[in-house]
């Protein structure tokens, strides 16, 4: 497990007894909670089909992102929505979540008019 953790960029150091100190995180996850990241990777080691370090980190990050995502019924302010849309434009895969669900829908004017019983 220690080799895998080092391979993903987690730098750990013994910190007395059964504790460890996290001394470094992979650059793409520098803002992540180190405890959550470490626990997620440890739980995935040995249980994932794809045990490549990149796949382990990606799986943990997808889980973290999903838990932090805006949930159904949650209200956002106009600025929050604008910030999210702006940030989404910079993503490589902006049209689906990590689970493959669509994040955007395109509705034609005609379809909207039919829903509201307007003539097209």
PDB file of N, CA and C in Angstrom:
ATOM      1  N   UNK A   1       0.820  -1.197   0.000  1.00  0.00           N
ATOM      2  CA  UNK A   1       0.000   0.000   0.000  1.00  0.00           C
ATOM      3  C   UNK A   1       0.863   1.260   0.000  1.00  0.00           C
ATOM      4  N   UNK A   2       1.991   1.211   0.698  1.00  0.00           N
ATOM      5  CA  UNK A   2       2.850   2.390   0.790  1.00  0.00           C
ATOM      6  C   UNK A   2       3.396   2.805  -0.576  1.00  0.00           C
ATOM      7  N   UNK A   3       3.755   1.812  -1.390  1.00  0.00           N
ATOM      8  CA  UNK A   3       4.260   2.111  -2.736  1.00  0.00           C
ATOM      9  C   UNK A   3       3.173   2.768  -3.587  1.00  0.00           C
ATOM     10  N   UNK A   4       1.962   2.265  -3.479  1.00  0.00           N
ATOM     11  CA  UNK A   4       0.840   2.833  -4.244  1.00  0.00           C
ATOM     12  C   UNK A   4       0.571   4.263  -3.800  1.00  0.00           C
ATOM     13  N   UNK A   5       0.578   4.505  -2.505  1.00  0.00           N
ATOM     14  CA  UNK A   5       0.348   5.864  -1.992  1.00  0.00           C
ATOM     15  C   UNK A   5       1.419   6.819  -2.501  1.00  0.00           C
ATOM     16  N   UNK A   6       2.664   6.362  -2.500  1.00  0.00           N
ATOM     17  CA  UNK A   6       3.754   7.194  -3.017  1.00  0.00           C
ATOM     18  C   UNK A   6       3.567   7.433  -4.516  1.00  0.00           C
ATOM     19  N   UNK A   7       3.115   6.398  -5.227  1.00  0.00           N
ATOM     20  CA  UNK A   7       2.920   6.514  -6.675  1.00  0.00           C
ATOM     21  C   UNK A   7       1.831   7.513  -7.031  1.00  0.00           C
ATOM     22  N   UNK A   8       0.809   7.656  -6.177  1.00  0.00           N
ATOM     23  CA  UNK A   8      -0.248   8.617  -6.463  1.00  0.00           C
ATOM     24  C   UNK A   8       0.129  10.023  -6.001  1.00  0.00           C
ATOM     25  N   UNK A   9       1.255  10.151  -5.304  1.00  0.00           N
ATOM     26  CA  UNK A   9       1.712  11.470  -4.893  1.00  0.00           C
ATOM     27  C   UNK A   9       1.405  11.818  -3.447  1.00  0.00           C
ATOM     28  N   UNK A  10       0.954  10.847  -2.657  1.00  0.00           N
ATOM     29  CA  UNK A  10       0.716  11.085  -1.232  1.00  0.00           C
ATOM     30  C   UNK A  10       2.015  10.825  -0.483  1.00  0.00           C
ATOM     31  N   UNK A  11       2.550  11.853   0.140  1.00  0.00           N
ATOM     32  CA  UNK A  11       3.780  11.707   0.905  1.00  0.00           C
ATOM     33  C   UNK A  11       3.415  11.620   2.380  1.00  0.00           C
ATOM     34  N   UNK A  12       3.683  10.449   2.960  1.00  0.00           N
ATOM     35  CA  UNK A  12       3.330  10.200   4.351  1.00  0.00           C
ATOM     36  C   UNK A  12       4.586   9.990   5.178  1.00  0.00           C
ATOM     37  N   UNK A  13       4.450  10.284   6.458  1.00  0.00           N
ATOM     38  CA  UNK A  13       5.569  10.121   7.379  1.00  0.00           C
ATOM     39  C   UNK A  13       5.007   9.587   8.698  1.00  0.00           C
ATOM     40  N   UNK A  14       5.713   8.627   9.305  1.00  0.00           N
ATOM     41  CA  UNK A  14       5.264   8.125  10.605  1.00  0.00           C
ATOM     42  C   UNK A  14       5.237   9.280  11.589  1.00  0.00           C
ATOM     43  N   UNK A  15       4.219   9.249  12.446  1.00  0.00           N
ATOM     44  CA  UNK A  15       4.032  10.371  13.370  1.00  0.00           C
ATOM     45  C   UNK A  15       3.723   9.842  14.768  1.00  0.00           C
ATOM     46  N   UNK A  16       4.457   8.843  15.169  1.00  0.00           N
ATOM     47  CA  UNK A  16       4.294   8.257  16.503  1.00  0.00           C
ATOM     48  C   UNK A  16       3.109   7.330  16.588  1.00  0.00           C
ATOM     49  N   UNK A  17       3.334   6.190  17.190  1.00  0.00           N
ATOM     50  CA  UNK A  17       2.258   5.221  17.378  1.00  0.00           C
ATOM     51  C   UNK A  17       1.654   4.776  16.066  1.00  0.00           C
ATOM     52  N   UNK A  18       0.340   4.878  15.970  1.00  0.00           N
ATOM     53  CA  UNK A  18      -0.350   4.443  14.754  1.00  0.00           C
ATOM     54  C   UNK A  18      -0.772   5.626  13.890  1.00  0.00           C
ATOM     55  N   UNK A  19      -0.139   6.781  14.086  1.00  0.00           N
ATOM     56  CA  UNK A  19      -0.494   7.984  13.332  1.00  0.00           C
ATOM     57  C   UNK A  19       0.492   8.232  12.204  1.00  0.00           C
ATOM     58  N   UNK A  20       0.006   8.921  11.176  1.00  0.00           N
ATOM     59  CA  UNK A  20       0.867   9.356  10.087  1.00  0.00           C
ATOM     60  C   UNK A  20       0.619  10.837   9.829  1.00  0.00           C
ATOM     61  N   UNK A  21       1.637  11.491   9.332  1.00  0.00           N
ATOM     62  CA  UNK A  21       1.509  12.890   8.924  1.00  0.00           C
ATOM     63  C   UNK A  21       1.508  12.919   7.404  1.00  0.00           C
ATOM     64  N   UNK A  22       0.572  13.652   6.829  1.00  0.00           N
ATOM     65  CA  UNK A  22       0.528  13.817   5.381  1.00  0.00           C
ATOM     66  C   UNK A  22       1.417  15.007   5.056  1.00  0.00           C
ATOM     67  N   UNK A  23       2.509  14.749   4.355  1.00  0.00           N
ATOM     68  CA  UNK A  23       3.490  15.791   4.031  1.00  0.00           C
ATOM     69  C   UNK A  23       3.346  16.323   2.615  1.00  0.00           C
ATOM     70  N   UNK A  24       2.602  15.626   1.777  1.00  0.00           N
ATOM     71  CA  UNK A  24       2.423  16.085   0.406  1.00  0.00           C
ATOM     72  C   UNK A  24       1.243  15.417  -0.258  1.00  0.00           C
ATOM     73  N   UNK A  25       0.575  16.178  -1.124  1.00  0.00           N
ATOM     74  CA  UNK A  25      -0.565  15.689  -1.896  1.00  0.00           C
ATOM     75  C   UNK A  25      -0.272  15.862  -3.378  1.00  0.00           C
ATOM     76  N   UNK A  26      -0.911  15.058  -4.231  1.00  0.00           N
ATOM     77  CA  UNK A  26      -0.744  15.268  -5.675  1.00  0.00           C
ATOM     78  C   UNK A  26      -1.243  16.667  -6.056  1.00  0.00           C
ATOM     79  N   UNK A  27      -0.560  17.323  -6.963  1.00  0.00           N
ATOM     80  CA  UNK A  27      -0.913  18.695  -7.359  1.00  0.00           C
ATOM     81  C   UNK A  27      -2.380  18.864  -7.746  1.00  0.00           C
ATOM     82  N   UNK A  28      -2.989  17.946  -8.515  1.00  0.00           N
ATOM     83  CA  UNK A  28      -4.385  18.158  -8.906  1.00  0.00           C
ATOM     84  C   UNK A  28      -5.373  18.163  -7.730  1.00  0.00           C
ATOM     85  N   UNK A  29      -4.957  17.639  -6.579  1.00  0.00           N
ATOM     86  CA  UNK A  29      -5.870  17.562  -5.440  1.00  0.00           C
ATOM     87  C   UNK A  29      -5.343  18.336  -4.235  1.00  0.00           C
ATOM     88  N   UNK A  30      -4.528  19.331  -4.494  1.00  0.00           N
ATOM     89  CA  UNK A  30      -3.906  20.079  -3.408  1.00  0.00           C
ATOM     90  C   UNK A  30      -4.917  20.671  -2.441  1.00  0.00           C
ATOM     91  N   UNK A  31      -6.127  20.981  -2.894  1.00  0.00           N
ATOM     92  CA  UNK A  31      -7.132  21.570  -2.028  1.00  0.00           C
ATOM     93  C   UNK A  31      -8.032  20.555  -1.339  1.00  0.00           C
ATOM     94  N   UNK A  32      -7.840  19.267  -1.611  1.00  0.00           N
ATOM     95  CA  UNK A  32      -8.704  18.235  -1.040  1.00  0.00           C
ATOM     96  C   UNK A  32      -8.376  18.001   0.431  1.00  0.00           C
ATOM     97  N   UNK A  33      -9.331  17.440   1.152  1.00  0.00           N
ATOM     98  CA  UNK A  33      -9.118  17.059   2.544  1.00  0.00           C
ATOM     99  C   UNK A  33      -8.176  15.855   2.548  1.00  0.00           C
ATOM    100  N   UNK A  34      -6.974  15.980   3.128  1.00  0.00           N
ATOM    101  CA  UNK A  34      -6.005  14.878   3.079  1.00  0.00           C
ATOM    102  C   UNK A  34      -6.517  13.601   3.741  1.00  0.00           C
ATOM    103  N   UNK A  35      -7.265  13.725   4.827  1.00  0.00           N
ATOM    104  CA  UNK A  35      -7.781  12.537   5.511  1.00  0.00           C
ATOM    105  C   UNK A  35      -8.768  11.807   4.612  1.00  0.00           C
ATOM    106  N   UNK A  36      -9.692  12.563   4.009  1.00  0.00           N
ATOM    107  CA  UNK A  36     -10.687  11.955   3.124  1.00  0.00           C
ATOM    108  C   UNK A  36     -10.010  11.304   1.916  1.00  0.00           C
ATOM    109  N   UNK A  37      -9.019  11.979   1.355  1.00  0.00           N
ATOM    110  CA  UNK A  37      -8.294  11.442   0.205  1.00  0.00           C
ATOM    111  C   UNK A  37      -7.564  10.160   0.581  1.00  0.00           C
ATOM    112  N   UNK A  38      -6.837  10.171   1.688  1.00  0.00           N
ATOM    113  CA  UNK A  38      -6.083   9.001   2.129  1.00  0.00           C
ATOM    114  C   UNK A  38      -7.016   7.830   2.433  1.00  0.00           C
ATOM    115  N   UNK A  39      -8.090   8.088   3.168  1.00  0.00           N
ATOM    116  CA  UNK A  39      -9.042   7.018   3.489  1.00  0.00           C
ATOM    117  C   UNK A  39      -9.680   6.449   2.225  1.00  0.00           C
ATOM    118  N   UNK A  40     -10.010   7.319   1.289  1.00  0.00           N
ATOM    119  CA  UNK A  40     -10.622   6.863   0.043  1.00  0.00           C
ATOM    120  C   UNK A  40      -9.696   5.981  -0.767  1.00  0.00           C
ATOM    121  N   UNK A  41      -8.448   6.382  -0.852  1.00  0.00           N
ATOM    122  CA  UNK A  41      -7.484   5.588  -1.631  1.00  0.00           C
ATOM    123  C   UNK A  41      -7.224   4.257  -0.936  1.00  0.00           C
ATOM    124  N   UNK A  42      -7.044   4.281   0.385  1.00  0.00           N
ATOM    125  CA  UNK A  42      -6.805   3.033   1.118  1.00  0.00           C
ATOM    126  C   UNK A  42      -7.973   2.064   0.973  1.00  0.00           C
ATOM    127  N   UNK A  43      -9.188   2.579   0.993  1.00  0.00           N
ATOM    128  CA  UNK A  43     -10.351   1.695   0.859  1.00  0.00           C
ATOM    129  C   UNK A  43     -10.449   1.118  -0.549  1.00  0.00           C
ATOM    130  N   UNK A  44      -9.882   1.811  -1.526  1.00  0.00           N
ATOM    131  CA  UNK A  44      -9.958   1.338  -2.911  1.00  0.00           C
ATOM    132  C   UNK A  44      -8.828   0.381  -3.264  1.00  0.00           C
ATOM    133  N   UNK A  45      -7.709   0.474  -2.569  1.00  0.00           N
ATOM    134  CA  UNK A  45      -6.575  -0.406  -2.878  1.00  0.00           C
ATOM    135  C   UNK A  45      -7.015  -1.850  -2.648  1.00  0.00           C
ATOM    136  N   UNK A  46      -6.842  -2.648  -3.649  1.00  0.00           N
ATOM    137  CA  UNK A  46      -7.207  -4.053  -3.544  1.00  0.00           C
ATOM    138  C   UNK A  46      -8.653  -4.345  -3.897  1.00  0.00           C
ATOM    139  N   UNK A  47      -9.502  -3.333  -3.933  1.00  0.00           N
ATOM    140  CA  UNK A  47     -10.905  -3.590  -4.259  1.00  0.00           C
ATOM    141  C   UNK A  47     -11.269  -3.077  -5.643  1.00  0.00           C
ATOM    142  N   UNK A  48     -10.368  -2.386  -6.288  1.00  0.00           N
ATOM    143  CA  UNK A  48     -10.631  -1.821  -7.610  1.00  0.00           C
ATOM    144  C   UNK A  48     -10.075  -2.744  -8.691  1.00  0.00           C
ATOM    145  N   UNK A  49     -10.818  -2.849  -9.794  1.00  0.00           N
ATOM    146  CA  UNK A  49     -10.299  -3.591 -10.937  1.00  0.00           C
ATOM    147  C   UNK A  49      -9.075  -2.896 -11.501  1.00  0.00           C
ATOM    148  N   UNK A  50      -9.152  -1.577 -11.588  1.00  0.00           N
ATOM    149  CA  UNK A  50      -8.064  -0.784 -12.135  1.00  0.00           C
ATOM    150  C   UNK A  50      -7.285  -0.195 -10.963  1.00  0.00           C
ATOM    151  N   UNK A  51      -6.159  -0.800 -10.623  1.00  0.00           N
ATOM    152  CA  UNK A  51      -5.378  -0.370  -9.459  1.00  0.00           C
ATOM    153  C   UNK A  51      -4.278   0.612  -9.836  1.00  0.00           C
ATOM    154  N   UNK A  52      -4.329   1.135 -11.075  1.00  0.00           N
ATOM    155  CA  UNK A  52      -3.333   2.148 -11.435  1.00  0.00           C
ATOM    156  C   UNK A  52      -3.486   3.334 -10.489  1.00  0.00           C
ATOM    157  N   UNK A  53      -2.389   3.954 -10.081  1.00  0.00           N
ATOM    158  CA  UNK A  53      -2.470   5.101  -9.165  1.00  0.00           C
ATOM    159  C   UNK A  53      -3.419   6.191  -9.654  1.00  0.00           C
ATOM    160  N   UNK A  54      -3.385   6.488 -10.964  1.00  0.00           N
ATOM    161  CA  UNK A  54      -4.250   7.534 -11.506  1.00  0.00           C
ATOM    162  C   UNK A  54      -5.721   7.173 -11.342  1.00  0.00           C
ATOM    163  N   UNK A  55      -6.048   5.901 -11.553  1.00  0.00           N
ATOM    164  CA  UNK A  55      -7.432   5.453 -11.435  1.00  0.00           C
ATOM    165  C   UNK A  55      -7.903   5.519  -9.987  1.00  0.00           C
ATOM    166  N   UNK A  56      -7.023   5.196  -9.043  1.00  0.00           N
ATOM    167  CA  UNK A  56      -7.384   5.274  -7.629  1.00  0.00           C
ATOM    168  C   UNK A  56      -7.704   6.708  -7.236  1.00  0.00           C
ATOM    169  N   UNK A  57      -6.831   7.634  -7.616  1.00  0.00           N
ATOM    170  CA  UNK A  57      -7.048   9.048  -7.278  1.00  0.00           C
ATOM    171  C   UNK A  57      -8.305   9.555  -7.965  1.00  0.00           C
ATOM    172  N   UNK A  58      -8.495   9.202  -9.233  1.00  0.00           N
ATOM    173  CA  UNK A  58      -9.663   9.662  -9.975  1.00  0.00           C
ATOM    174  C   UNK A  58     -10.958   9.172  -9.329  1.00  0.00           C
ATOM    175  N   UNK A  59     -10.973   7.923  -8.883  1.00  0.00           N
ATOM    176  CA  UNK A  59     -12.158   7.376  -8.225  1.00  0.00           C
ATOM    177  C   UNK A  59     -12.483   8.095  -6.927  1.00  0.00           C
ATOM    178  N   UNK A  60     -11.459   8.383  -6.149  1.00  0.00           N
ATOM    179  CA  UNK A  60     -11.665   9.102  -4.886  1.00  0.00           C
ATOM    180  C   UNK A  60     -12.155  10.517  -5.166  1.00  0.00           C
ATOM    181  N   UNK A  61     -11.533  11.182  -6.127  1.00  0.00           N
ATOM    182  CA  UNK A  61     -11.935  12.550  -6.464  1.00  0.00           C
ATOM    183  C   UNK A  61     -13.363  12.605  -6.981  1.00  0.00           C
ATOM    184  N   UNK A  62     -13.762  11.614  -7.762  1.00  0.00           N
ATOM    185  CA  UNK A  62     -15.137  11.573  -8.263  1.00  0.00           C
ATOM    186  C   UNK A  62     -16.115  11.469  -7.098  1.00  0.00           C
ATOM    187  N   UNK A  63     -15.782  10.658  -6.111  1.00  0.00           N
ATOM    188  CA  UNK A  63     -16.635  10.530  -4.932  1.00  0.00           C
ATOM    189  C   UNK A  63     -16.714  11.815  -4.133  1.00  0.00           C
ATOM    190  N   UNK A  64     -15.570  12.474  -3.949  1.00  0.00           N
ATOM    191  CA  UNK A  64     -15.533  13.748  -3.220  1.00  0.00           C
ATOM    192  C   UNK A  64     -16.360  14.786  -3.964  1.00  0.00           C
ATOM    193  N   UNK A  65     -16.183  14.846  -5.276  1.00  0.00           N
ATOM    194  CA  UNK A  65     -16.919  15.826  -6.084  1.00  0.00           C
ATOM    195  C   UNK A  65     -18.417  15.565  -6.017  1.00  0.00           C
ATOM    196  N   UNK A  66     -18.799  14.302  -6.035  1.00  0.00           N
ATOM    197  CA  UNK A  66     -20.217  13.968  -5.999  1.00  0.00           C
ATOM    198  C   UNK A  66     -20.841  14.405  -4.675  1.00  0.00           C
ATOM    199  N   UNK A  67     -20.145  14.166  -3.570  1.00  0.00           N
ATOM    200  CA  UNK A  67     -20.679  14.562  -2.266  1.00  0.00           C
ATOM    201  C   UNK A  67     -20.758  16.077  -2.133  1.00  0.00           C
ATOM    202  N   UNK A  68     -19.862  16.794  -2.814  1.00  0.00           N
ATOM    203  CA  UNK A  68     -19.854  18.254  -2.717  1.00  0.00           C
ATOM    204  C   UNK A  68     -20.777  18.921  -3.728  1.00  0.00           C
ATOM    205  N   UNK A  69     -21.358  18.124  -4.619  1.00  0.00           N
ATOM    206  CA  UNK A  69     -22.176  18.678  -5.692  1.00  0.00           C
ATOM    207  C   UNK A  69     -23.462  19.305  -5.169  1.00  0.00           C
ATOM    208  N   UNK A  70     -24.004  20.196  -5.972  1.00  0.00           N
ATOM    209  CA  UNK A  70     -25.296  20.804  -5.667  1.00  0.00           C
ATOM    210  C   UNK A  70     -26.351  19.702  -5.753  1.00  0.00           C
ATOM    211  N   UNK A  71     -27.173  19.598  -4.737  1.00  0.00           N
ATOM    212  CA  UNK A  71     -28.192  18.548  -4.674  1.00  0.00           C
ATOM    213  C   UNK A  71     -29.544  19.069  -5.154  1.00  0.00           C
ATOM    214  N   UNK A  72     -30.403  18.149  -5.550  1.00  0.00           N
ATOM    215  CA  UNK A  72     -31.750  18.498  -6.006  1.00  0.00           C
ATOM    216  C   UNK A  72     -32.467  19.297  -4.924  1.00  0.00           C
ATOM    217  N   UNK A  73     -33.110  20.362  -5.331  1.00  0.00           N
ATOM    218  CA  UNK A  73     -33.864  21.197  -4.401  1.00  0.00           C
ATOM    219  C   UNK A  73     -33.040  22.280  -3.717  1.00  0.00           C
ATOM    220  N   UNK A  74     -31.717  22.193  -3.850  1.00  0.00           N
ATOM    221  CA  UNK A  74     -30.855  23.206  -3.238  1.00  0.00           C
ATOM    222  C   UNK A  74     -30.925  24.479  -4.068  1.00  0.00           C
ATOM    223  N   UNK A  75     -31.122  25.601  -3.408  1.00  0.00           N
ATOM    224  CA  UNK A  75     -31.252  26.869  -4.117  1.00  0.00           C
ATOM    225  C   UNK A  75     -29.903  27.571  -4.192  1.00  0.00           C
ATOM    226  N   UNK A  76     -29.612  28.096  -5.374  1.00  0.00           N
ATOM    227  CA  UNK A  76     -28.379  28.836  -5.598  1.00  0.00           C
ATOM    228  C   UNK A  76     -28.709  30.261  -6.013  1.00  0.00           C
ATOM    229  N   UNK A  77     -27.837  31.170  -5.644  1.00  0.00           N
ATOM    230  CA  UNK A  77     -27.985  32.550  -6.076  1.00  0.00           C
ATOM    231  C   UNK A  77     -27.528  32.708  -7.516  1.00  0.00           C
ATOM    232  N   UNK A  78     -27.906  33.818  -8.128  1.00  0.00           N
ATOM    233  CA  UNK A  78     -27.548  34.086  -9.521  1.00  0.00           C
ATOM    234  C   UNK A  78     -26.026  34.028  -9.729  1.00  0.00           C
ATOM    235  N   UNK A  79     -25.263  34.607  -8.804  1.00  0.00           N
ATOM    236  CA  UNK A  79     -23.802  34.612  -8.923  1.00  0.00           C
ATOM    237  C   UNK A  79     -23.233  33.199  -8.823  1.00  0.00           C
ATOM    238  N   UNK A  80     -23.794  32.381  -7.942  1.00  0.00           N
ATOM    239  CA  UNK A  80     -23.329  30.997  -7.806  1.00  0.00           C
ATOM    240  C   UNK A  80     -23.570  30.220  -9.097  1.00  0.00           C
ATOM    241  N   UNK A  81     -24.730  30.405  -9.697  1.00  0.00           N
ATOM    242  CA  UNK A  81     -25.044  29.723 -10.956  1.00  0.00           C
ATOM    243  C   UNK A  81     -24.079  30.182 -12.043  1.00  0.00           C
ATOM    244  N   UNK A  82     -23.863  31.476 -12.141  1.00  0.00           N
ATOM    245  CA  UNK A  82     -22.945  32.015 -13.154  1.00  0.00           C
ATOM    246  C   UNK A  82     -21.533  31.464 -12.950  1.00  0.00           C
ATOM    247  N   UNK A  83     -21.077  31.389 -11.699  1.00  0.00           N
ATOM    248  CA  UNK A  83     -19.747  30.843 -11.407  1.00  0.00           C
ATOM    249  C   UNK A  83     -19.642  29.377 -11.816  1.00  0.00           C
ATOM    250  N   UNK A  84     -20.680  28.600 -11.519  1.00  0.00           N
ATOM    251  CA  UNK A  84     -20.672  27.187 -11.894  1.00  0.00           C
ATOM    252  C   UNK A  84     -20.649  27.000 -13.406  1.00  0.00           C
ATOM    253  N   UNK A  85     -21.453  27.782 -14.116  1.00  0.00           N
ATOM    254  CA  UNK A  85     -21.473  27.672 -15.578  1.00  0.00           C
ATOM    255  C   UNK A  85     -20.126  28.071 -16.186  1.00  0.00           C
ATOM    256  N   UNK A  86     -19.531  29.123 -15.638  1.00  0.00           N
ATOM    257  CA  UNK A  86     -18.211  29.564 -16.107  1.00  0.00           C
ATOM    258  C   UNK A  86     -17.166  28.470 -15.859  1.00  0.00           C
ATOM    259  N   UNK A  87     -17.173  27.887 -14.671  1.00  0.00           N
ATOM    260  CA  UNK A  87     -16.214  26.832 -14.338  1.00  0.00           C
ATOM    261  C   UNK A  87     -16.433  25.590 -15.203  1.00  0.00           C
ATOM    262  N   UNK A  88     -17.695  25.273 -15.505  1.00  0.00           N
ATOM    263  CA  UNK A  88     -18.000  24.095 -16.323  1.00  0.00           C
ATOM    264  C   UNK A  88     -17.436  24.226 -17.732  1.00  0.00           C
ATOM    265  N   UNK A  89     -17.388  25.430 -18.237  1.00  0.00           N
ATOM    266  CA  UNK A  89     -16.846  25.646 -19.584  1.00  0.00           C
ATOM    267  C   UNK A  89     -15.375  25.260 -19.683  1.00  0.00           C
ATOM    268  N   UNK A  90     -14.675  25.267 -18.567  1.00  0.00           N
ATOM    269  CA  UNK A  90     -13.248  24.941 -18.553  1.00  0.00           C
ATOM    270  C   UNK A  90     -12.981  23.446 -18.410  1.00  0.00           C
ATOM    271  N   UNK A  91     -14.022  22.659 -18.138  1.00  0.00           N
ATOM    272  CA  UNK A  91     -13.860  21.224 -17.935  1.00  0.00           C
ATOM    273  C   UNK A  91     -13.725  20.485 -19.255  1.00  0.00           C
ATOM    274  N   UNK A  92     -12.986  19.381 -19.212  1.00  0.00           N
ATOM    275  CA  UNK A  92     -12.827  18.547 -20.398  1.00  0.00           C
ATOM    276  C   UNK A  92     -14.122  17.811 -20.709  1.00  0.00           C
ATOM    277  N   UNK A  93     -14.777  17.286 -19.668  1.00  0.00           N
ATOM    278  CA  UNK A  93     -16.011  16.520 -19.839  1.00  0.00           C
ATOM    279  C   UNK A  93     -17.147  17.229 -19.105  1.00  0.00           C
ATOM    280  N   UNK A  94     -17.516  18.392 -19.574  1.00  0.00           N
ATOM    281  CA  UNK A  94     -18.503  19.225 -18.879  1.00  0.00           C
ATOM    282  C   UNK A  94     -19.937  18.746 -19.037  1.00  0.00           C
ATOM    283  N   UNK A  95     -20.194  17.814 -19.939  1.00  0.00           N
ATOM    284  CA  UNK A  95     -21.578  17.442 -20.225  1.00  0.00           C
ATOM    285  C   UNK A  95     -22.076  16.235 -19.430  1.00  0.00           C
ATOM    286  N   UNK A  96     -21.194  15.625 -18.616  1.00  0.00           N
ATOM    287  CA  UNK A  96     -21.624  14.519 -17.769  1.00  0.00           C
ATOM    288  C   UNK A  96     -20.941  14.612 -16.415  1.00  0.00           C
ATOM    289  N   UNK A  97     -21.577  14.024 -15.405  1.00  0.00           N
ATOM    290  CA  UNK A  97     -20.969  13.931 -14.082  1.00  0.00           C
ATOM    291  C   UNK A  97     -20.001  12.743 -14.101  1.00  0.00           C
ATOM    292  N   UNK A  98     -19.257  12.507 -13.016  1.00  0.00           N
ATOM    293  CA  UNK A  98     -18.331  11.362 -13.004  1.00  0.00           C
ATOM    294  C   UNK A  98     -19.023  10.010 -13.201  1.00  0.00           C
ATOM    295  N   UNK A  99     -20.339   9.948 -12.957  1.00  0.00           N
ATOM    296  CA  UNK A  99     -21.079   8.701 -13.138  1.00  0.00           C
ATOM    297  C   UNK A  99     -21.655   8.573 -14.539  1.00  0.00           C
ATOM    298  N   UNK A 100     -21.454   9.589 -15.379  1.00  0.00           N
ATOM    299  CA  UNK A 100     -21.948   9.545 -16.749  1.00  0.00           C
ATOM    300  C   UNK A 100     -23.320  10.156 -16.948  1.00  0.00           C
ATOM    301  N   UNK A 101     -23.902  10.707 -15.886  1.00  0.00           N
ATOM    302  CA  UNK A 101     -25.219  11.337 -16.025  1.00  0.00           C
ATOM    303  C   UNK A 101     -25.070  12.699 -16.688  1.00  0.00           C
ATOM    304  N   UNK A 102     -26.030  13.101 -17.503  1.00  0.00           N
ATOM    305  CA  UNK A 102     -25.916  14.405 -18.166  1.00  0.00           C
ATOM    306  C   UNK A 102     -25.993  15.555 -17.158  1.00  0.00           C
ATOM    307  N   UNK A 103     -25.224  16.585 -17.417  1.00  0.00           N
ATOM    308  CA  UNK A 103     -25.245  17.773 -16.561  1.00  0.00           C
ATOM    309  C   UNK A 103     -25.948  18.930 -17.245  1.00  0.00           C
ATOM    310  N   UNK A 104     -26.244  18.771 -18.524  1.00  0.00           N
ATOM    311  CA  UNK A 104     -26.905  19.820 -19.294  1.00  0.00           C
ATOM    312  C   UNK A 104     -27.938  19.202 -20.219  1.00  0.00           C
ATOM    313  N   UNK A 105     -28.978  19.962 -20.485  1.00  0.00           N
ATOM    314  CA  UNK A 105     -29.990  19.564 -21.448  1.00  0.00           C
ATOM    315  C   UNK A 105     -30.213  20.720 -22.406  1.00  0.00           C
ATOM    316  N   UNK A 106     -30.477  20.402 -23.638  1.00  0.00           N
ATOM    317  CA  UNK A 106     -30.794  21.430 -24.618  1.00  0.00           C
ATOM    318  C   UNK A 106     -32.268  21.331 -24.942  1.00  0.00           C
ATOM    319  N   UNK A 107     -32.976  22.421 -24.755  1.00  0.00           N
ATOM    320  CA  UNK A 107     -34.411  22.461 -25.041  1.00  0.00           C
ATOM    321  C   UNK A 107     -34.656  23.459 -26.160  1.00  0.00           C
ATOM    322  N   UNK A 108     -35.339  22.994 -27.169  1.00  0.00           N
ATOM    323  CA  UNK A 108     -35.659  23.901 -28.271  1.00  0.00           C
ATOM    324  C   UNK A 108     -36.816  24.807 -27.864  1.00  0.00           C
ATOM    325  N   UNK A 109     -36.914  25.925 -28.547  1.00  0.00           N
ATOM    326  CA  UNK A 109     -38.022  26.847 -28.279  1.00  0.00           C
ATOM    327  C   UNK A 109     -39.352  26.152 -28.561  1.00  0.00           C
ATOM    328  N   UNK A 110     -39.411  25.379 -29.642  1.00  0.00           N
ATOM    329  CA  UNK A 110     -40.633  24.671 -29.995  1.00  0.00           C
ATOM    330  C   UNK A 110     -41.070  23.702 -28.901  1.00  0.00           C
ATOM    331  N   UNK A 111     -40.113  22.997 -28.322  1.00  0.00           N
ATOM    332  CA  UNK A 111     -40.439  22.050 -27.248  1.00  0.00           C
ATOM    333  C   UNK A 111     -40.978  22.788 -26.019  1.00  0.00           C
ATOM    334  N   UNK A 112     -40.373  23.886 -25.662  1.00  0.00           N
ATOM    335  CA  UNK A 112     -40.854  24.691 -24.537  1.00  0.00           C
ATOM    336  C   UNK A 112     -42.266  25.209 -24.806  1.00  0.00           C
ATOM    337  N   UNK A 113     -42.492  25.673 -26.024  1.00  0.00           N
ATOM    338  CA  UNK A 113     -43.821  26.192 -26.367  1.00  0.00           C
ATOM    339  C   UNK A 113     -44.877  25.091 -26.296  1.00  0.00           C
ATOM    340  N   UNK A 114     -44.533  23.883 -26.715  1.00  0.00           N
ATOM    341  CA  UNK A 114     -45.477  22.762 -26.618  1.00  0.00           C
ATOM    342  C   UNK A 114     -45.780  22.433 -25.158  1.00  0.00           C
ATOM    343  N   UNK A 115     -44.785  22.481 -24.298  1.00  0.00           N
ATOM    344  CA  UNK A 115     -45.000  22.204 -22.870  1.00  0.00           C
ATOM    345  C   UNK A 115     -45.939  23.222 -22.251  1.00  0.00           C
ATOM    346  N   UNK A 116     -45.860  24.452 -22.699  1.00  0.00           N
ATOM    347  CA  UNK A 116     -46.691  25.508 -22.137  1.00  0.00           C
ATOM    348  C   UNK A 116     -47.911  25.783 -23.026  1.00  0.00           C
ATOM    349  N   UNK A 117     -48.193  24.818 -23.918  1.00  0.00           N
ATOM    350  CA  UNK A 117     -49.375  24.871 -24.782  1.00  0.00           C
ATOM    351  C   UNK A 117     -49.446  26.167 -25.596  1.00  0.00           C
ATOM    352  N   UNK A 118     -48.346  26.538 -26.163  1.00  0.00           N
ATOM    353  CA  UNK A 118     -48.273  27.690 -27.070  1.00  0.00           C
ATOM    354  C   UNK A 118     -48.199  27.146 -28.480  1.00  0.00           C
ATOM    355  N   UNK A 119     -48.667  27.894 -29.425  1.00  0.00           N
ATOM    356  CA  UNK A 119     -48.568  27.461 -30.807  1.00  0.00           C
ATOM    357  C   UNK A 119     -47.168  27.713 -31.324  1.00  0.00           C
ATOM    358  N   UNK A 120     -46.727  26.807 -32.144  1.00  0.00           N
ATOM    359  CA  UNK A 120     -45.365  26.915 -32.677  1.00  0.00           C
ATOM    360  C   UNK A 120     -45.373  27.659 -33.979  1.00  0.00           C
TER     361      UNK A 120
END
